[in-house]
Amino acid sequence: MTSPVSRRPATLPYALRLALGGAFVALATLTAQAEETRPIPQSPDILLGPLFNDVQSAKLFSDQKTFADAIPNGDPLMILADYRMQKSQTSFDLRHFVELNFTLPRENDQYVPPKGQTLRQHINGLWPVLTRSTVEVEKWDSLLPLPKPYVVPGGRFREVYYWDSYFTMLGLAESGHWDKIEDMVTNFAAEIDAWGHIPNGNRTYYLSRSQPPFFPFMVELLATHDGDEVLKKWLPQMEKEYQYWMDGAEALEPGGASKRVVRMADGSLLNRYWDDNDTPRPESWLDDVTTAKNNPNRPATEIYRDLRSAAASGWDFSSRWMDNPQQLGTIRTTSIVPVDLNSLMFHMEKAIARASKAAGDNAKAAQYDALANARQKALEKYLWNDKEGWYADYDLKSHKVRNQLTAAALFPLYVNAASSERAAKVAAATEARLLKPGGLTTTTVNSGQQWDAPNGWAPLQWVAAEGLQKYGQQKIAMEVSWRFLSNVQHTYNSEQKLVEKYDVSSTGTGGGGGEYPLQDGFGWTNGVTLKMLDLVCPKEKPCDSVPATRPAANDDTSKATDNAAQPAANNSIAPGDKKVAQ
């Protein structure tokens, strides 16, 4: 019988095949470990079946998430049986039945900050307000317990979210809360141990998907404070998460895809977003059902999967995933290979290599370095739009790189995977097309979706600023930071709060669009704001609010000097590009 390795195309060099083989042997062990993870608890739409559907269809609550977060007061099977008996009675009142049989999520008390606080004081005061602890939960609660306290985004988001948390942690580090950072890393590691991956959020209905994989960044952040022992400690969990993303890769033929992994025509491996379920999202049940009903020419299950997979991307929703930006039903996330995800996977491979080296396992370090180098070559080949001069997503249906410019184009710079010449082109496109008066816009398309123009989001501002700095583009990096900070400050001055997203077409307006109203809080905005305050103000004169006039650049914060010199995977530069001399 032919081995999977020997079936790989000859375009894969021997050294890489060896690395892949070694890595996948290691992953096979992790797969066996993954099988020991606890059974997946059922989400409320499964537990409650027709009752859940009927409640969401009746629009009893303005937010579909409310009932998804409600806790049954008894065995769901008994409640469901009772519902079936009562619902045909003429006097039956669905709302009364729900209120009798469920404990609804309590409205968060409106936080009123002390008057006259600076931006920094306000954020520091928010950390305890946004901290939750759920070591134990009610038996039928959709909330999943976690061993340590954690910081939530705020508003309707009453649970911890995966990729949000990294940007929140940046702020916690600025505030000196290293204990909270360690707690959150411990929580995410516990989720990997329990479920084989980090779910979108700690709810049963989020278990079928993950989010942009920032766990290695979290571990590295903690290591800046606690040293390389941290890398060694969490290496098993980083590897286990990697296995989740690469599950099924070994059996894939060129041009094939399985769950989160895609094998390209030349045999190289890239990743996509994927949700294991193809049903309406419980937290947006009616929205998804309506989207499917309005698009009868597509199988509903296909639409549901693509909607869910876009939620896994964190960009829910965006023209990035659609054929027609004005029609959500044209969404097809699973046939798109995203540039941000593959940049993060490159970083994951480099981080595991680094952690393996710290643990004294040079063979494993070499394996993962080889995987990272191979991914970088694939990223440069498939996710670079040479005609437009920026990084973009790859379309599995047309077999071409897409033309759309989005803020995701900055991710190869953020992880130090771009060549200097390509980074310069991305910087120019960013400045010309994405930079607006209030910061960096998510895309150039105004679709009404929240991950499109005119909205700008804190994590993307940080990725851009950090990535541009790494390649010596301090001027544009500072421009992004200054404009976004000014936006945050103006909104805070008028409304005494930070919000989930901002309208960057002007200064001082919260963002709109999407499935739910603008949320206050807000974890990742808090984190990025604190980081950027230290970016724009000189170290000798730190600021607690955004200055009225722009200060001189804080040159000490620039990381451009050495890191800009070359990509992290420095032996694979795209043809025609060259490295900056060291």
Protein backbone atom coordinates (compact mmCIF):
# COMPACT_ATOMS: atom_id res chain seq x y z
CA MET A 1 0.00 0.00 0.00
CA THR A 2 1.33 3.43 -0.89
CA SER A 3 2.16 5.59 2.10
CA PRO A 4 0.65 9.10 2.35
CA VAL A 5 4.12 10.61 2.23
CA SER A 6 5.04 8.92 -1.04
CA ARG A 7 1.84 10.19 -2.63
CA ARG A 8 2.85 13.79 -2.03
CA PRO A 9 3.90 15.67 -5.14
CA ALA A 10 7.55 15.85 -6.01
CA THR A 11 7.42 19.61 -5.55
CA LEU A 12 7.77 19.07 -1.80
CA PRO A 13 11.48 18.84 -1.03
CA TYR A 14 12.81 15.87 0.90
CA ALA A 15 13.67 17.93 4.00
CA LEU A 16 10.14 19.28 4.18
CA ARG A 17 8.63 15.82 3.71
CA LEU A 18 10.78 14.65 6.59
CA ALA A 19 9.62 17.55 8.73
CA LEU A 20 6.00 16.97 7.83
CA GLY A 21 6.35 13.31 8.59
CA GLY A 22 7.92 14.00 11.98
CA ALA A 23 5.39 16.64 12.87
CA PHE A 24 2.47 14.44 11.91
CA VAL A 25 3.86 11.53 13.94
CA ALA A 26 3.88 13.88 16.89
CA LEU A 27 0.38 14.99 15.98
CA ALA A 28 -0.82 11.38 15.86
CA THR A 29 0.14 11.08 19.53
CA LEU A 30 -1.76 14.26 20.25
CA THR A 31 -4.76 12.88 18.39
CA ALA A 32 -4.80 9.91 20.75
CA GLN A 33 -4.67 12.37 23.64
CA ALA A 34 -7.46 14.41 22.09
CA GLU A 35 -9.69 11.34 22.13
CA GLU A 36 -9.49 11.44 25.90
CA THR A 37 -11.16 14.85 26.01
CA ARG A 38 -14.47 15.03 27.79
CA PRO A 39 -17.78 14.48 25.92
CA ILE A 40 -19.17 17.55 24.19
CA PRO A 41 -22.13 18.98 26.13
CA GLN A 42 -25.21 19.74 24.07
CA SER A 43 -26.05 23.27 23.05
CA PRO A 44 -29.49 24.72 23.91
CA ASP A 45 -30.92 24.29 20.40
CA ILE A 46 -30.28 20.53 20.67
CA LEU A 47 -31.36 20.23 24.30
CA LEU A 48 -34.64 22.06 23.74
CA GLY A 49 -35.37 21.22 20.10
CA PRO A 50 -38.78 22.58 18.97
CA LEU A 51 -39.17 24.75 22.08
CA PHE A 52 -35.92 26.57 21.28
CA ASN A 53 -36.99 27.07 17.66
CA ASP A 54 -40.42 28.34 18.67
CA VAL A 55 -39.07 30.80 21.26
CA GLN A 56 -36.56 32.26 18.81
CA SER A 57 -39.14 32.40 16.00
CA ALA A 58 -41.59 34.22 18.27
CA LYS A 59 -39.01 37.00 18.86
CA LEU A 60 -39.71 37.00 22.59
CA PHE A 61 -36.41 38.76 23.17
CA SER A 62 -34.85 41.58 21.22
CA ASP A 63 -31.50 39.76 21.30
CA GLN A 64 -31.47 36.12 20.13
CA LYS A 65 -28.55 35.49 22.47
CA THR A 66 -30.79 36.03 25.52
CA PHE A 67 -32.59 32.69 25.27
CA ALA A 68 -29.40 30.87 24.20
CA ASP A 69 -27.94 32.02 27.54
CA ALA A 70 -31.05 31.19 29.61
CA ILE A 71 -30.69 28.40 32.18
CA PRO A 72 -33.41 25.69 32.34
CA ASN A 73 -34.80 25.39 35.87
CA GLY A 74 -35.04 21.62 35.52
CA ASP A 75 -34.35 18.72 33.19
CA PRO A 76 -34.75 20.03 29.62
CA LEU A 77 -36.44 16.79 28.56
CA MET A 78 -39.15 17.32 31.20
CA ILE A 79 -39.56 20.97 30.22
CA LEU A 80 -39.86 19.92 26.58
CA ALA A 81 -42.45 17.23 27.39
CA ASP A 82 -44.43 19.77 29.41
CA TYR A 83 -44.23 22.22 26.49
CA ARG A 84 -45.57 19.66 24.03
CA MET A 85 -48.55 19.00 26.28
CA GLN A 86 -49.39 22.64 26.94
CA LYS A 87 -48.69 24.45 23.70
CA SER A 88 -51.91 23.40 21.93
CA GLN A 89 -54.07 24.82 24.75
CA THR A 90 -55.85 28.03 23.78
CA SER A 91 -54.76 29.79 26.95
CA PHE A 92 -51.08 28.91 26.46
CA ASP A 93 -48.69 31.83 26.87
CA LEU A 94 -45.19 31.12 25.55
CA ARG A 95 -43.53 34.01 27.36
CA HIS A 96 -45.07 32.97 30.68
CA PHE A 97 -43.93 29.37 30.08
CA VAL A 98 -40.37 30.54 29.42
CA GLU A 99 -40.30 32.80 32.46
CA LEU A 100 -41.58 29.92 34.62
CA ASN A 101 -39.12 27.31 33.36
CA PHE A 102 -35.96 29.32 32.71
CA THR A 103 -33.71 31.72 34.54
CA LEU A 104 -32.99 34.49 32.07
CA PRO A 105 -29.60 36.21 32.03
CA ARG A 106 -29.56 39.20 34.35
CA GLU A 107 -29.12 42.55 32.73
CA ASN A 108 -25.68 43.87 33.51
CA ASP A 109 -25.78 46.76 35.94
CA GLN A 110 -24.94 49.92 34.08
CA TYR A 111 -21.44 50.87 35.11
CA VAL A 112 -21.20 54.54 36.00
CA PRO A 113 -17.54 55.58 36.16
CA PRO A 114 -16.36 58.26 38.59
CA LYS A 115 -16.44 61.72 37.04
CA GLY A 116 -13.34 63.36 35.69
CA GLN A 117 -11.35 60.19 35.00
CA THR A 118 -8.62 60.14 32.40
CA LEU A 119 -8.82 57.48 29.70
CA ARG A 120 -6.19 55.36 31.47
CA GLN A 121 -7.94 55.69 34.85
CA HIS A 122 -11.25 54.69 33.26
CA ILE A 123 -9.74 51.57 31.67
CA ASN A 124 -7.93 50.57 34.86
CA GLY A 125 -11.23 50.95 36.70
CA LEU A 126 -12.98 48.73 34.16
CA TRP A 127 -10.82 45.63 34.65
CA PRO A 128 -12.59 44.48 37.86
CA VAL A 129 -15.99 45.39 36.33
CA LEU A 130 -15.30 43.08 33.37
CA THR A 131 -13.86 40.20 35.43
CA ARG A 132 -15.98 37.06 35.87
CA SER A 133 -15.51 33.73 37.64
CA THR A 134 -17.37 30.52 36.78
CA VAL A 135 -15.56 27.64 38.46
CA GLU A 136 -18.96 25.93 38.71
CA VAL A 137 -22.11 26.36 36.63
CA GLU A 138 -25.69 25.12 36.81
CA LYS A 139 -26.21 21.67 35.33
CA TRP A 140 -28.03 22.80 32.18
CA ASP A 141 -26.31 26.15 31.76
CA SER A 142 -24.85 26.85 28.31
CA LEU A 143 -21.93 28.55 30.09
CA LEU A 144 -18.82 26.36 30.36
CA PRO A 145 -16.89 26.47 33.66
CA LEU A 146 -13.28 27.67 33.76
CA PRO A 147 -10.78 27.13 36.57
CA LYS A 148 -9.68 30.77 36.91
CA PRO A 149 -11.27 34.25 36.70
CA TYR A 150 -11.36 35.87 33.26
CA VAL A 151 -12.08 39.23 31.62
CA VAL A 152 -15.09 39.47 29.28
CA PRO A 153 -15.51 42.01 26.47
CA GLY A 154 -18.58 43.67 27.99
CA GLY A 155 -22.23 44.34 27.07
CA ARG A 156 -24.07 41.29 25.68
CA PHE A 157 -20.81 39.35 25.71
CA ARG A 158 -21.04 37.82 29.16
CA GLU A 159 -18.45 35.09 28.50
CA VAL A 160 -14.80 35.03 27.52
CA TYR A 161 -13.96 35.16 23.80
CA TYR A 162 -10.87 33.65 22.29
CA TRP A 163 -9.22 36.21 20.06
CA ASP A 164 -10.67 39.20 21.93
CA SER A 165 -8.77 38.04 24.96
CA TYR A 166 -5.29 38.52 23.52
CA PHE A 167 -5.89 42.22 22.90
CA THR A 168 -7.52 42.52 26.31
CA MET A 169 -4.40 40.88 27.80
CA LEU A 170 -2.17 43.50 26.16
CA GLY A 171 -4.02 46.07 28.24
CA LEU A 172 -3.86 43.95 31.38
CA ALA A 173 -0.08 43.81 30.89
CA GLU A 174 0.05 47.61 30.58
CA SER A 175 -1.93 47.82 33.83
CA GLY A 176 0.43 45.36 35.56
CA HIS A 177 -2.21 42.60 35.98
CA TRP A 178 0.11 39.70 35.15
CA ASP A 179 -1.86 37.47 37.54
CA LYS A 180 -4.97 37.93 35.39
CA ILE A 181 -2.97 37.15 32.23
CA GLU A 182 -1.68 33.94 33.79
CA ASP A 183 -5.23 33.04 34.84
CA MET A 184 -6.52 33.49 31.30
CA VAL A 185 -3.69 31.48 29.74
CA THR A 186 -4.47 28.74 32.27
CA ASN A 187 -8.15 28.86 31.27
CA PHE A 188 -7.43 28.57 27.56
CA ALA A 189 -4.97 25.72 28.16
CA ALA A 190 -7.67 23.96 30.20
CA GLU A 191 -10.09 24.34 27.27
CA ILE A 192 -7.54 22.82 24.89
CA ASP A 193 -7.11 19.92 27.33
CA ALA A 194 -10.87 19.50 27.68
CA TRP A 195 -12.10 20.00 24.11
CA GLY A 196 -9.01 19.69 21.91
CA HIS A 197 -9.27 23.37 20.94
CA ILE A 198 -10.21 26.79 22.26
CA PRO A 199 -13.87 27.42 21.47
CA ASN A 200 -15.12 30.75 20.10
CA GLY A 201 -16.32 31.50 23.66
CA ASN A 202 -17.04 29.49 26.82
CA ARG A 203 -20.58 28.49 25.82
CA THR A 204 -21.79 25.08 24.69
CA TYR A 205 -23.07 26.62 21.47
CA TYR A 206 -19.56 27.85 20.62
CA LEU A 207 -17.86 24.47 20.95
CA SER A 208 -18.14 23.55 17.26
CA ARG A 209 -15.68 26.25 16.20
CA SER A 210 -12.65 28.19 17.30
CA GLN A 211 -11.49 31.72 16.42
CA PRO A 212 -8.28 33.28 15.07
CA PRO A 213 -5.58 31.29 16.94
CA PHE A 214 -3.86 33.73 19.30
CA PHE A 215 -2.97 31.27 22.08
CA PRO A 216 0.75 31.23 21.15
CA PHE A 217 0.77 35.06 21.32
CA MET A 218 -0.76 34.84 24.80
CA VAL A 219 1.90 32.38 25.95
CA GLU A 220 4.66 34.57 24.50
CA LEU A 221 3.18 37.65 26.20
CA LEU A 222 3.30 35.88 29.56
CA ALA A 223 6.86 34.73 28.80
CA THR A 224 7.97 38.38 28.51
CA HIS A 225 7.21 38.61 32.23
CA ASP A 226 7.84 35.10 33.54
CA GLY A 227 10.59 33.87 31.20
CA ASP A 228 10.94 30.91 28.81
CA GLU A 229 9.69 28.42 31.41
CA VAL A 230 6.23 29.58 30.34
CA LEU A 231 6.91 28.44 26.76
CA LYS A 232 7.91 24.97 27.97
CA LYS A 233 4.95 24.75 30.34
CA TRP A 234 2.33 25.39 27.67
CA LEU A 235 4.09 23.66 24.76
CA PRO A 236 1.81 20.54 24.93
CA GLN A 237 -1.29 22.73 24.64
CA MET A 238 0.16 24.72 21.73
CA GLU A 239 0.89 21.46 19.91
CA LYS A 240 -2.57 20.13 20.68
CA GLU A 241 -4.17 23.26 19.28
CA TYR A 242 -2.00 22.93 16.18
CA GLN A 243 -3.29 19.39 15.73
CA TYR A 244 -6.85 20.68 15.83
CA TRP A 245 -6.16 23.12 13.02
CA MET A 246 -4.25 20.54 10.94
CA ASP A 247 -6.57 17.60 11.58
CA GLY A 248 -7.04 15.58 8.37
CA ALA A 249 -4.02 17.06 6.56
CA GLU A 250 -2.19 13.77 6.20
CA ALA A 251 -4.90 12.14 4.10
CA LEU A 252 -5.49 15.09 1.76
CA GLU A 253 -4.65 14.86 -1.91
CA PRO A 254 -3.57 18.03 -3.80
CA GLY A 255 -6.63 20.24 -4.33
CA GLY A 256 -8.50 18.62 -1.42
CA ALA A 257 -9.86 20.16 1.79
CA SER A 258 -10.95 18.72 5.11
CA LYS A 259 -12.39 20.75 7.98
CA ARG A 260 -9.87 23.51 8.70
CA VAL A 261 -7.05 22.42 6.37
CA VAL A 262 -6.56 22.73 2.60
CA ARG A 263 -3.91 21.09 0.43
CA MET A 264 -3.10 23.34 -2.52
CA ALA A 265 -2.39 22.11 -6.04
CA ASP A 266 1.38 22.00 -5.43
CA GLY A 267 0.96 19.96 -2.24
CA SER A 268 1.48 22.80 0.22
CA LEU A 269 -0.80 23.09 3.24
CA LEU A 270 -2.88 26.11 4.19
CA ASN A 271 -5.86 26.62 6.49
CA ARG A 272 -9.42 27.96 6.33
CA TYR A 273 -12.13 28.79 8.84
CA TRP A 274 -14.62 26.03 9.55
CA ASP A 275 -17.42 25.18 11.95
CA ASP A 276 -18.21 21.51 12.58
CA ASN A 277 -21.96 22.21 12.54
CA ASP A 278 -24.24 23.17 9.65
CA THR A 279 -27.26 24.41 11.59
CA PRO A 280 -28.44 27.92 12.51
CA ARG A 281 -26.31 29.56 15.23
CA PRO A 282 -28.31 29.37 18.49
CA GLU A 283 -27.26 32.90 19.46
CA SER A 284 -28.49 34.24 16.07
CA TRP A 285 -31.00 31.53 15.24
CA LEU A 286 -33.72 33.54 13.56
CA ASP A 287 -31.24 35.67 11.60
CA ASP A 288 -29.65 32.55 10.11
CA VAL A 289 -32.98 30.86 9.35
CA THR A 290 -34.16 34.05 7.61
CA THR A 291 -30.93 34.28 5.56
CA ALA A 292 -31.38 30.68 4.39
CA LYS A 293 -35.10 31.17 3.57
CA ASN A 294 -34.26 34.23 1.48
CA ASN A 295 -31.84 32.16 -0.59
CA PRO A 296 -33.80 29.06 -1.65
CA ASN A 297 -31.38 28.27 -4.48
CA ARG A 298 -28.65 27.29 -2.01
CA PRO A 299 -28.85 24.38 0.45
CA ALA A 300 -29.65 25.83 3.87
CA THR A 301 -26.98 23.68 5.51
CA GLU A 302 -24.34 25.21 3.24
CA ILE A 303 -25.40 28.74 4.20
CA TYR A 304 -25.44 27.85 7.90
CA ARG A 305 -21.92 26.39 7.72
CA ASP A 306 -20.58 29.46 5.95
CA LEU A 307 -22.26 31.82 8.43
CA ARG A 308 -20.81 29.83 11.32
CA SER A 309 -17.37 29.73 9.72
CA ALA A 310 -17.41 33.50 9.30
CA ALA A 311 -18.17 33.70 13.02
CA ALA A 312 -15.09 31.52 13.56
CA SER A 313 -13.05 34.11 11.65
CA GLY A 314 -14.12 36.84 14.07
CA TRP A 315 -15.24 38.85 11.01
CA ASP A 316 -18.96 38.24 11.30
CA PHE A 317 -19.85 39.54 8.81
CA SER A 318 -17.93 41.07 5.95
CA SER A 319 -17.95 41.50 2.16
CA ARG A 320 -14.69 39.59 2.41
CA TRP A 321 -16.69 36.34 2.55
CA MET A 322 -19.43 37.20 0.05
CA ASP A 323 -19.90 37.08 -3.70
CA ASN A 324 -22.33 40.00 -3.47
CA PRO A 325 -21.51 42.38 -0.58
CA GLN A 326 -25.14 43.44 -0.36
CA GLN A 327 -26.48 39.90 0.01
CA LEU A 328 -25.49 37.92 3.08
CA GLY A 329 -26.86 34.74 1.46
CA THR A 330 -23.92 34.77 -1.00
CA ILE A 331 -21.50 34.14 1.88
CA ARG A 332 -19.04 31.29 1.21
CA THR A 333 -16.39 31.47 3.91
CA THR A 334 -15.35 27.83 3.59
CA SER A 335 -14.20 28.24 -0.03
CA ILE A 336 -11.81 31.06 0.90
CA VAL A 337 -8.27 30.62 2.24
CA PRO A 338 -7.74 33.62 4.55
CA VAL A 339 -4.47 35.53 4.70
CA ASP A 340 -4.85 36.45 8.39
CA LEU A 341 -5.48 32.87 9.52
CA ASN A 342 -2.48 31.55 7.62
CA SER A 343 -0.28 34.29 9.00
CA LEU A 344 -1.36 33.25 12.49
CA MET A 345 -0.69 29.59 11.66
CA PHE A 346 2.81 30.57 10.48
CA HIS A 347 3.31 32.28 13.82
CA MET A 348 1.99 29.21 15.65
CA GLU A 349 4.55 27.00 13.90
CA LYS A 350 7.34 29.45 14.75
CA ALA A 351 6.16 29.68 18.37
CA ILE A 352 6.08 25.89 18.77
CA ALA A 353 9.56 25.73 17.26
CA ARG A 354 10.75 28.36 19.75
CA ALA A 355 9.10 26.59 22.71
CA SER A 356 10.56 23.24 21.60
CA LYS A 357 14.01 24.78 21.48
CA ALA A 358 13.50 26.21 24.98
CA ALA A 359 12.53 22.70 26.10
CA GLY A 360 15.76 21.30 24.61
CA ASP A 361 14.02 19.41 21.77
CA ASN A 362 15.99 20.64 18.77
CA ALA A 363 14.57 17.96 16.46
CA LYS A 364 11.01 19.12 17.08
CA ALA A 365 12.12 22.75 16.73
CA ALA A 366 13.58 21.94 13.31
CA GLN A 367 10.35 20.16 12.26
CA TYR A 368 8.16 23.12 13.09
CA ASP A 369 10.60 25.60 11.58
CA ALA A 370 10.40 23.62 8.34
CA LEU A 371 6.59 23.69 8.49
CA ALA A 372 6.68 27.47 9.01
CA ASN A 373 9.07 27.97 6.10
CA ALA A 374 6.86 25.85 3.85
CA ARG A 375 3.79 27.81 4.90
CA GLN A 376 5.53 31.09 4.21
CA LYS A 377 6.37 29.98 0.69
CA ALA A 378 2.73 28.99 0.18
CA LEU A 379 1.55 32.29 1.66
CA GLU A 380 3.78 34.24 -0.73
CA LYS A 381 2.67 32.11 -3.68
CA TYR A 382 -1.09 31.96 -3.11
CA LEU A 383 -1.96 34.92 -0.84
CA TRP A 384 -0.11 37.72 -2.60
CA ASN A 385 -1.95 39.71 -5.30
CA ASP A 386 0.88 40.79 -7.55
CA LYS A 387 -1.37 42.87 -9.80
CA GLU A 388 -2.73 44.96 -6.90
CA GLY A 389 0.36 44.91 -4.69
CA TRP A 390 -1.11 43.57 -1.45
CA TYR A 391 -1.78 40.36 0.45
CA ALA A 392 -5.28 38.95 0.01
CA ASP A 393 -7.38 35.81 0.45
CA TYR A 394 -7.30 32.92 -2.02
CA ASP A 395 -10.48 31.73 -3.73
CA LEU A 396 -10.75 27.95 -3.89
CA LYS A 397 -13.55 28.14 -6.49
CA SER A 398 -11.85 30.41 -9.02
CA HIS A 399 -8.36 29.13 -8.08
CA LYS A 400 -7.15 32.73 -7.92
CA VAL A 401 -6.10 35.22 -5.31
CA ARG A 402 -8.95 37.65 -4.59
CA ASN A 403 -8.64 41.33 -5.45
CA GLN A 404 -10.22 42.84 -2.37
CA LEU A 405 -8.01 44.87 -0.06
CA THR A 406 -8.86 44.39 3.63
CA ALA A 407 -7.11 45.08 6.92
CA ALA A 408 -6.22 41.35 6.94
CA ALA A 409 -3.47 42.27 4.43
CA LEU A 410 -1.42 43.56 7.38
CA PHE A 411 -1.18 40.18 9.12
CA PRO A 412 1.89 38.90 7.20
CA LEU A 413 3.70 42.03 8.42
CA TYR A 414 2.43 41.52 11.96
CA VAL A 415 3.92 38.01 12.16
CA ASN A 416 7.08 39.05 10.34
CA ALA A 417 6.44 36.77 7.36
CA ALA A 418 6.56 39.34 4.54
CA SER A 419 9.56 40.39 2.49
CA SER A 420 10.57 44.04 2.87
CA GLU A 421 9.52 44.99 -0.65
CA ARG A 422 6.08 43.48 -0.32
CA ALA A 423 5.65 45.06 3.10
CA ALA A 424 6.40 48.47 1.56
CA LYS A 425 3.70 47.90 -1.07
CA VAL A 426 1.17 46.89 1.60
CA ALA A 427 2.06 49.99 3.60
CA ALA A 428 1.45 52.20 0.56
CA ALA A 429 -1.93 50.55 -0.16
CA THR A 430 -2.89 50.85 3.51
CA GLU A 431 -2.13 54.56 3.58
CA ALA A 432 -3.86 55.25 0.27
CA ARG A 433 -7.00 53.12 0.67
CA LEU A 434 -7.62 52.02 4.26
CA LEU A 435 -6.42 54.93 6.41
CA LYS A 436 -9.31 57.26 7.30
CA PRO A 437 -9.68 60.28 9.66
CA GLY A 438 -10.59 58.01 12.61
CA GLY A 439 -8.19 55.12 12.01
CA LEU A 440 -7.93 52.07 9.77
CA THR A 441 -11.10 50.90 8.05
CA THR A 442 -11.74 47.16 7.91
CA THR A 443 -12.43 47.06 4.16
CA THR A 444 -13.15 49.58 1.40
CA VAL A 445 -16.71 48.25 0.89
CA ASN A 446 -19.76 49.69 2.67
CA SER A 447 -22.16 46.75 2.91
CA GLY A 448 -24.02 47.42 6.15
CA GLN A 449 -22.10 44.55 7.76
CA GLN A 450 -20.06 45.43 10.84
CA TRP A 451 -16.73 44.12 9.49
CA ASP A 452 -16.83 46.48 6.54
CA ALA A 453 -16.44 50.20 5.94
CA PRO A 454 -16.82 52.56 7.68
CA ASN A 455 -16.01 50.52 10.79
CA GLY A 456 -12.61 50.19 12.37
CA TRP A 457 -11.84 47.62 15.08
CA ALA A 458 -9.22 47.86 17.81
CA PRO A 459 -7.45 44.54 17.11
CA LEU A 460 -6.93 45.43 13.46
CA GLN A 461 -5.51 48.84 14.41
CA TRP A 462 -2.95 47.12 16.63
CA VAL A 463 -2.04 44.46 14.08
CA ALA A 464 -1.50 47.21 11.51
CA ALA A 465 0.51 49.51 13.78
CA GLU A 466 2.69 46.71 15.10
CA GLY A 467 3.16 45.13 11.67
CA LEU A 468 4.06 48.42 9.97
CA GLN A 469 6.58 49.22 12.69
CA LYS A 470 8.33 45.90 12.17
CA TYR A 471 9.09 46.92 8.60
CA GLY A 472 10.28 50.43 9.31
CA GLN A 473 6.96 52.07 8.40
CA GLN A 474 6.80 54.14 11.59
CA LYS A 475 5.13 57.14 9.98
CA ILE A 476 2.06 55.19 8.82
CA ALA A 477 2.02 53.12 12.03
CA MET A 478 1.93 56.30 14.07
CA GLU A 479 -0.77 57.76 11.84
CA VAL A 480 -2.98 54.69 12.40
CA SER A 481 -2.40 54.88 16.17
CA TRP A 482 -2.93 58.63 16.48
CA ARG A 483 -6.11 58.70 14.43
CA PHE A 484 -7.67 55.73 16.18
CA LEU A 485 -6.73 57.03 19.63
CA SER A 486 -8.23 60.42 18.79
CA ASN A 487 -11.44 58.62 17.81
CA VAL A 488 -11.51 56.69 21.10
CA GLN A 489 -10.80 59.84 23.12
CA HIS A 490 -13.50 61.92 21.38
CA THR A 491 -16.08 59.18 21.94
CA TYR A 492 -15.00 58.85 25.58
CA ASN A 493 -15.21 62.61 26.11
CA SER A 494 -18.78 62.73 24.85
CA GLU A 495 -20.10 59.42 26.21
CA GLN A 496 -17.69 58.37 29.05
CA LYS A 497 -17.22 54.91 27.62
CA LEU A 498 -15.20 52.79 25.22
CA VAL A 499 -17.07 50.78 22.62
CA GLU A 500 -16.68 47.61 20.58
CA LYS A 501 -15.99 49.30 17.24
CA TYR A 502 -15.73 52.80 15.78
CA ASP A 503 -16.83 54.63 12.65
CA VAL A 504 -13.46 55.69 11.25
CA SER A 505 -14.85 57.83 8.44
CA SER A 506 -14.87 60.64 11.02
CA THR A 507 -13.66 61.10 14.59
CA GLY A 508 -15.71 60.43 17.69
CA THR A 509 -18.42 58.05 16.56
CA GLY A 510 -19.11 54.48 17.57
CA GLY A 511 -19.54 51.97 14.74
CA GLY A 512 -22.78 50.44 13.46
CA GLY A 513 -24.10 47.67 11.22
CA GLY A 514 -24.31 43.97 11.93
CA GLU A 515 -26.72 41.84 13.94
CA TYR A 516 -26.81 43.66 17.28
CA PRO A 517 -26.50 47.20 18.72
CA LEU A 518 -23.12 48.75 19.52
CA GLN A 519 -21.69 47.27 22.74
CA ASP A 520 -19.95 49.10 25.57
CA GLY A 521 -17.07 47.87 27.63
CA PHE A 522 -14.94 47.03 25.80
CA GLY A 523 -12.18 44.53 26.42
CA TRP A 524 -10.07 44.71 23.30
CA THR A 525 -10.56 48.45 22.79
CA ASN A 526 -9.31 48.98 26.36
CA GLY A 527 -6.20 46.88 25.70
CA VAL A 528 -5.26 48.48 22.41
CA THR A 529 -5.90 51.99 23.73
CA LEU A 530 -3.44 51.50 26.60
CA LYS A 531 -0.80 50.09 24.23
CA MET A 532 -1.26 52.94 21.79
CA LEU A 533 -1.11 55.61 24.50
CA ASP A 534 2.40 54.38 25.23
CA LEU A 535 3.15 54.33 21.52
CA VAL A 536 2.27 57.97 20.85
CA CYS A 537 3.67 59.55 24.01
CA PRO A 538 7.38 59.69 24.83
CA LYS A 539 8.49 57.24 27.49
CA GLU A 540 9.84 60.00 29.67
CA LYS A 541 6.44 61.71 29.55
CA PRO A 542 3.71 59.03 29.44
CA CYS A 543 0.13 60.16 28.95
CA ASP A 544 -3.12 59.06 30.61
CA SER A 545 -5.32 60.60 27.93
CA VAL A 546 -4.75 61.39 24.29
CA PRO A 547 -2.95 64.76 24.13
CA ALA A 548 -4.74 67.68 22.46
CA THR A 549 -1.83 68.08 20.09
CA ARG A 550 0.19 65.27 18.63
CA PRO A 551 3.48 64.70 20.49
CA ALA A 552 6.78 63.84 18.89
CA ALA A 553 7.03 60.14 18.03
CA ASN A 554 8.23 57.87 20.76
CA ASP A 555 11.20 56.42 18.98
CA ASP A 556 12.02 54.06 21.80
CA THR A 557 8.88 52.08 21.19
CA SER A 558 9.76 51.31 17.61
CA LYS A 559 10.73 47.75 16.93
CA ALA A 560 11.77 48.48 13.41
CA THR A 561 15.52 48.46 13.84
CA ASP A 562 16.32 44.78 13.77
CA ASN A 563 13.04 43.01 13.20
CA ALA A 564 12.37 44.89 10.02
CA ALA A 565 15.40 43.43 8.47
CA GLN A 566 13.92 40.16 7.37
CA PRO A 567 11.03 37.79 7.74
CA ALA A 568 10.92 35.29 10.57
CA ALA A 569 11.15 32.49 8.01
CA ASN A 570 14.19 34.03 6.46
CA ASN A 571 15.10 31.47 3.90
CA SER A 572 12.07 31.82 1.69
CA ILE A 573 11.68 35.15 -0.04
CA ALA A 574 9.38 35.58 -2.98
CA PRO A 575 11.01 35.86 -6.41
CA GLY A 576 11.97 39.42 -7.26
CA ASP A 577 11.94 40.49 -3.62
CA LYS A 578 15.02 40.98 -1.52
CA LYS A 579 15.78 41.22 2.13
CA VAL A 580 17.01 44.40 3.70
CA ALA A 581 20.71 44.11 4.44
CA GLN A 582 21.41 43.34 8.07
